[in-house]
PDB file of N, CA and C in Angstrom:
ATOM      1  N   UNK A   1      29.279 105.622 115.230  1.00  0.00           N
ATOM      2  CA  UNK A   1      29.513 107.358 114.945  1.00  0.00           C
ATOM      3  C   UNK A   1      30.767 107.377 114.159  1.00  0.00           C
ATOM      4  N   UNK A   2      31.626 106.483 113.971  1.00  0.00           N
ATOM      5  CA  UNK A   2      32.647 106.596 113.163  1.00  0.00           C
ATOM      6  C   UNK A   2      32.305 106.515 111.807  1.00  0.00           C
ATOM      7  N   UNK A   3      31.117 105.794 111.367  1.00  0.00           N
ATOM      8  CA  UNK A   3      30.716 105.779 110.046  1.00  0.00           C
ATOM      9  C   UNK A   3      30.160 107.276 109.885  1.00  0.00           C
ATOM     10  N   UNK A   4      29.209 107.669 110.770  1.00  0.00           N
ATOM     11  CA  UNK A   4      28.934 109.198 110.432  1.00  0.00           C
ATOM     12  C   UNK A   4      29.871 110.199 110.244  1.00  0.00           C
ATOM     13  N   UNK A   5      30.865 109.955 110.677  1.00  0.00           N
ATOM     14  CA  UNK A   5      32.113 110.944 110.624  1.00  0.00           C
ATOM     15  C   UNK A   5      32.719 110.662 109.033  1.00  0.00           C
ATOM     16  N   UNK A   6      32.807 109.578 108.713  1.00  0.00           N
ATOM     17  CA  UNK A   6      33.423 109.461 107.623  1.00  0.00           C
ATOM     18  C   UNK A   6      32.489 109.757 106.428  1.00  0.00           C
ATOM     19  N   UNK A   7      31.038 109.130 106.595  1.00  0.00           N
ATOM     20  CA  UNK A   7      30.063 109.420 105.591  1.00  0.00           C
ATOM     21  C   UNK A   7      29.805 111.147 105.479  1.00  0.00           C
ATOM     22  N   UNK A   8      29.934 111.772 106.602  1.00  0.00           N
ATOM     23  CA  UNK A   8      29.827 113.213 106.435  1.00  0.00           C
ATOM     24  C   UNK A   8      30.887 114.013 105.923  1.00  0.00           C
ATOM     25  N   UNK A   9      32.099 113.467 105.846  1.00  0.00           N
ATOM     26  CA  UNK A   9      33.291 114.347 105.680  1.00  0.00           C
ATOM     27  C   UNK A   9      33.346 114.402 104.079  1.00  0.00           C
ATOM     28  N   UNK A  10      33.257 115.681 103.573  1.00  0.00           N
ATOM     29  CA  UNK A  10      33.061 116.084 102.239  1.00  0.00           C
ATOM     30  C   UNK A  10      34.388 115.713 101.727  1.00  0.00           C
ATOM     31  N   UNK A  11      35.502 115.842 102.340  1.00  0.00           N
ATOM     32  CA  UNK A  11      36.931 115.408 101.795  1.00  0.00           C
ATOM     33  C   UNK A  11      37.012 113.976 101.512  1.00  0.00           C
ATOM     34  N   UNK A  12      36.510 113.041 102.455  1.00  0.00           N
ATOM     35  CA  UNK A  12      36.609 111.677 102.301  1.00  0.00           C
ATOM     36  C   UNK A  12      35.715 111.269 101.220  1.00  0.00           C
ATOM     37  N   UNK A  13      34.494 111.911 101.043  1.00  0.00           N
ATOM     38  CA  UNK A  13      33.786 111.569  99.966  1.00  0.00           C
ATOM     39  C   UNK A  13      34.040 112.095  98.770  1.00  0.00           C
ATOM     40  N   UNK A  14      35.141 112.771  98.410  1.00  0.00           N
ATOM     41  CA  UNK A  14      35.563 113.187  97.205  1.00  0.00           C
ATOM     42  C   UNK A  14      36.260 111.997  96.482  1.00  0.00           C
ATOM     43  N   UNK A  15      36.943 110.856  97.403  1.00  0.00           N
ATOM     44  CA  UNK A  15      37.560 110.049  97.163  1.00  0.00           C
ATOM     45  C   UNK A  15      37.176 108.655  97.439  1.00  0.00           C
ATOM     46  N   UNK A  16      36.504 108.550  98.189  1.00  0.00           N
ATOM     47  CA  UNK A  16      35.690 107.218  98.662  1.00  0.00           C
ATOM     48  C   UNK A  16      34.144 107.131  98.744  1.00  0.00           C
ATOM     49  N   UNK A  17      33.466 106.300  97.846  1.00  0.00           N
ATOM     50  CA  UNK A  17      32.040 106.427  97.758  1.00  0.00           C
ATOM     51  C   UNK A  17      31.426 105.562  98.927  1.00  0.00           C
ATOM     52  N   UNK A  18      30.312 105.899  99.083  1.00  0.00           N
ATOM     53  CA  UNK A  18      29.484 105.288  99.980  1.00  0.00           C
ATOM     54  C   UNK A  18      29.570 103.577 100.126  1.00  0.00           C
ATOM     55  N   UNK A  19      29.589 102.972  98.864  1.00  0.00           N
ATOM     56  CA  UNK A  19      30.073 101.819  98.678  1.00  0.00           C
ATOM     57  C   UNK A  19      31.191 101.351  99.033  1.00  0.00           C
ATOM     58  N   UNK A  20      32.073 102.277  98.801  1.00  0.00           N
ATOM     59  CA  UNK A  20      33.555 101.815  99.344  1.00  0.00           C
ATOM     60  C   UNK A  20      33.605 101.756 100.749  1.00  0.00           C
ATOM     61  N   UNK A  21      32.964 102.689 101.504  1.00  0.00           N
ATOM     62  CA  UNK A  21      32.920 102.941 102.853  1.00  0.00           C
ATOM     63  C   UNK A  21      32.335 101.804 103.385  1.00  0.00           C
ATOM     64  N   UNK A  22      31.043 101.332 102.737  1.00  0.00           N
ATOM     65  CA  UNK A  22      30.185 100.090 103.309  1.00  0.00           C
ATOM     66  C   UNK A  22      31.167  98.823 103.196  1.00  0.00           C
ATOM     67  N   UNK A  23      31.785  98.662 102.250  1.00  0.00           N
ATOM     68  CA  UNK A  23      32.524  97.346 101.871  1.00  0.00           C
ATOM     69  C   UNK A  23      33.657  97.534 103.145  1.00  0.00           C
ATOM     70  N   UNK A  24      34.253  98.604 103.221  1.00  0.00           N
ATOM     71  CA  UNK A  24      35.308  98.597 104.166  1.00  0.00           C
ATOM     72  C   UNK A  24      35.044  98.589 105.871  1.00  0.00           C
ATOM     73  N   UNK A  25      33.703  98.867 105.999  1.00  0.00           N
ATOM     74  CA  UNK A  25      33.336  99.049 107.371  1.00  0.00           C
ATOM     75  C   UNK A  25      32.020  97.957 107.621  1.00  0.00           C
ATOM     76  N   UNK A  26      32.274  97.025 106.731  1.00  0.00           N
ATOM     77  CA  UNK A  26      30.917  96.073 107.015  1.00  0.00           C
ATOM     78  C   UNK A  26      30.969  95.353 108.293  1.00  0.00           C
ATOM     79  N   UNK A  27      29.826  95.619 109.005  1.00  0.00           N
ATOM     80  CA  UNK A  27      29.470  95.239 110.377  1.00  0.00           C
ATOM     81  C   UNK A  27      30.169  94.010 110.831  1.00  0.00           C
ATOM     82  N   UNK A  28      30.134  92.982 110.250  1.00  0.00           N
ATOM     83  CA  UNK A  28      30.783  91.685 110.504  1.00  0.00           C
ATOM     84  C   UNK A  28      32.168  91.700 110.769  1.00  0.00           C
ATOM     85  N   UNK A  29      32.934  92.713 110.266  1.00  0.00           N
ATOM     86  CA  UNK A  29      34.328  92.835 110.195  1.00  0.00           C
ATOM     87  C   UNK A  29      34.893  93.984 111.019  1.00  0.00           C
ATOM     88  N   UNK A  30      33.798  94.825 111.517  1.00  0.00           N
ATOM     89  CA  UNK A  30      34.483  96.019 112.006  1.00  0.00           C
ATOM     90  C   UNK A  30      35.146  95.828 113.150  1.00  0.00           C
ATOM     91  N   UNK A  31      34.710  95.386 114.181  1.00  0.00           N
ATOM     92  CA  UNK A  31      35.500  95.346 115.278  1.00  0.00           C
ATOM     93  C   UNK A  31      36.833  94.372 115.290  1.00  0.00           C
ATOM     94  N   UNK A  32      36.853  93.148 114.674  1.00  0.00           N
ATOM     95  CA  UNK A  32      38.181  92.365 114.573  1.00  0.00           C
ATOM     96  C   UNK A  32      39.176  92.891 113.933  1.00  0.00           C
ATOM     97  N   UNK A  33      38.722  93.988 112.974  1.00  0.00           N
ATOM     98  CA  UNK A  33      39.795  94.309 111.937  1.00  0.00           C
ATOM     99  C   UNK A  33      39.782  95.928 112.149  1.00  0.00           C
ATOM    100  N   UNK A  34      39.450  96.680 113.038  1.00  0.00           N
ATOM    101  CA  UNK A  34      39.469  98.036 113.016  1.00  0.00           C
ATOM    102  C   UNK A  34      40.711  98.833 112.478  1.00  0.00           C
ATOM    103  N   UNK A  35      41.700  98.578 113.189  1.00  0.00           N
ATOM    104  CA  UNK A  35      42.959  99.035 112.675  1.00  0.00           C
ATOM    105  C   UNK A  35      43.310  99.036 111.288  1.00  0.00           C
ATOM    106  N   UNK A  36      43.311  97.602 110.732  1.00  0.00           N
ATOM    107  CA  UNK A  36      43.365  97.180 109.490  1.00  0.00           C
ATOM    108  C   UNK A  36      42.317  98.057 108.653  1.00  0.00           C
ATOM    109  N   UNK A  37      41.121  98.247 109.000  1.00  0.00           N
ATOM    110  CA  UNK A  37      40.349  98.882 108.116  1.00  0.00           C
ATOM    111  C   UNK A  37      40.572 100.318 108.043  1.00  0.00           C
ATOM    112  N   UNK A  38      41.018 101.005 109.157  1.00  0.00           N
ATOM    113  CA  UNK A  38      41.150 102.378 109.320  1.00  0.00           C
ATOM    114  C   UNK A  38      42.558 102.602 108.238  1.00  0.00           C
ATOM    115  N   UNK A  39      43.497 101.821 108.432  1.00  0.00           N
ATOM    116  CA  UNK A  39      44.691 101.832 107.349  1.00  0.00           C
ATOM    117  C   UNK A  39      44.175 101.513 106.000  1.00  0.00           C
ATOM    118  N   UNK A  40      43.393 100.732 105.967  1.00  0.00           N
ATOM    119  CA  UNK A  40      42.894 100.630 104.198  1.00  0.00           C
ATOM    120  C   UNK A  40      42.213 101.860 103.943  1.00  0.00           C
ATOM    121  N   UNK A  41      41.459 102.619 104.698  1.00  0.00           N
ATOM    122  CA  UNK A  41      40.821 103.845 104.226  1.00  0.00           C
ATOM    123  C   UNK A  41      41.726 104.931 104.058  1.00  0.00           C
ATOM    124  N   UNK A  42      42.636 104.867 104.907  1.00  0.00           N
ATOM    125  CA  UNK A  42      43.645 105.830 104.718  1.00  0.00           C
ATOM    126  C   UNK A  42      44.717 105.607 103.339  1.00  0.00           C
ATOM    127  N   UNK A  43      44.900 104.195 103.188  1.00  0.00           N
ATOM    128  CA  UNK A  43      45.741 103.857 101.672  1.00  0.00           C
ATOM    129  C   UNK A  43      44.628 104.429 100.420  1.00  0.00           C
ATOM    130  N   UNK A  44      43.485 104.161 100.721  1.00  0.00           N
ATOM    131  CA  UNK A  44      42.627 104.210  99.556  1.00  0.00           C
ATOM    132  C   UNK A  44      42.604 105.619  99.459  1.00  0.00           C
ATOM    133  N   UNK A  45      42.479 106.787 100.483  1.00  0.00           N
ATOM    134  CA  UNK A  45      42.343 107.985 100.393  1.00  0.00           C
ATOM    135  C   UNK A  45      43.664 108.458  99.883  1.00  0.00           C
ATOM    136  N   UNK A  46      44.817 107.877 100.108  1.00  0.00           N
ATOM    137  CA  UNK A  46      46.344 108.499  99.795  1.00  0.00           C
ATOM    138  C   UNK A  46      46.171 108.367  98.427  1.00  0.00           C
ATOM    139  N   UNK A  47      45.937 106.999  97.844  1.00  0.00           N
ATOM    140  CA  UNK A  47      45.956 106.677  96.442  1.00  0.00           C
ATOM    141  C   UNK A  47      45.069 107.606  95.738  1.00  0.00           C
ATOM    142  N   UNK A  48      44.049 107.989  96.090  1.00  0.00           N
ATOM    143  CA  UNK A  48      43.165 109.021  95.321  1.00  0.00           C
ATOM    144  C   UNK A  48      43.586 110.530  95.406  1.00  0.00           C
ATOM    145  N   UNK A  49      44.276 110.815  96.497  1.00  0.00           N
ATOM    146  CA  UNK A  49      44.413 112.022  96.760  1.00  0.00           C
ATOM    147  C   UNK A  49      45.815 112.516  96.608  1.00  0.00           C
ATOM    148  N   UNK A  50      46.632 111.709  96.354  1.00  0.00           N
ATOM    149  CA  UNK A  50      48.110 111.916  96.216  1.00  0.00           C
ATOM    150  C   UNK A  50      48.932 111.695  97.324  1.00  0.00           C
ATOM    151  N   UNK A  51      50.243 111.794  97.459  1.00  0.00           N
ATOM    152  CA  UNK A  51      51.275 111.534  98.714  1.00  0.00           C
ATOM    153  C   UNK A  51      51.154 112.710  99.817  1.00  0.00           C
ATOM    154  N   UNK A  52      50.716 113.805  99.429  1.00  0.00           N
ATOM    155  CA  UNK A  52      50.819 115.064 100.345  1.00  0.00           C
ATOM    156  C   UNK A  52      49.981 114.629 101.795  1.00  0.00           C
ATOM    157  N   UNK A  53      49.317 113.577 101.991  1.00  0.00           N
ATOM    158  CA  UNK A  53      48.796 113.373 103.100  1.00  0.00           C
ATOM    159  C   UNK A  53      49.809 113.050 104.218  1.00  0.00           C
ATOM    160  N   UNK A  54      49.448 113.487 105.447  1.00  0.00           N
ATOM    161  CA  UNK A  54      50.457 113.190 106.673  1.00  0.00           C
ATOM    162  C   UNK A  54      50.130 111.600 106.646  1.00  0.00           C
ATOM    163  N   UNK A  55      51.501 110.927 107.183  1.00  0.00           N
ATOM    164  CA  UNK A  55      51.604 109.562 107.371  1.00  0.00           C
ATOM    165  C   UNK A  55      50.926 109.151 108.653  1.00  0.00           C
ATOM    166  N   UNK A  56      50.498 107.873 108.916  1.00  0.00           N
ATOM    167  CA  UNK A  56      49.613 107.675 109.757  1.00  0.00           C
ATOM    168  C   UNK A  56      50.716 106.914 110.830  1.00  0.00           C
ATOM    169  N   UNK A  57      51.932 106.985 110.553  1.00  0.00           N
ATOM    170  CA  UNK A  57      52.795 106.264 111.376  1.00  0.00           C
ATOM    171  C   UNK A  57      53.614 107.104 112.127  1.00  0.00           C
TER     172      UNK A  57
END
């Protein structure tokens, strides 16, 4: 379900390609590294969107 949200979000799609999301969210690594992967998605998003996004901390 989380993937569906990422894939369907038009704002995320502006900055992360489907391939980016597939690499970040690969099934063999999702559960052991969920927090790390979410932080990576947010970091990539911020890099492409600028620093005006609210901090995750």
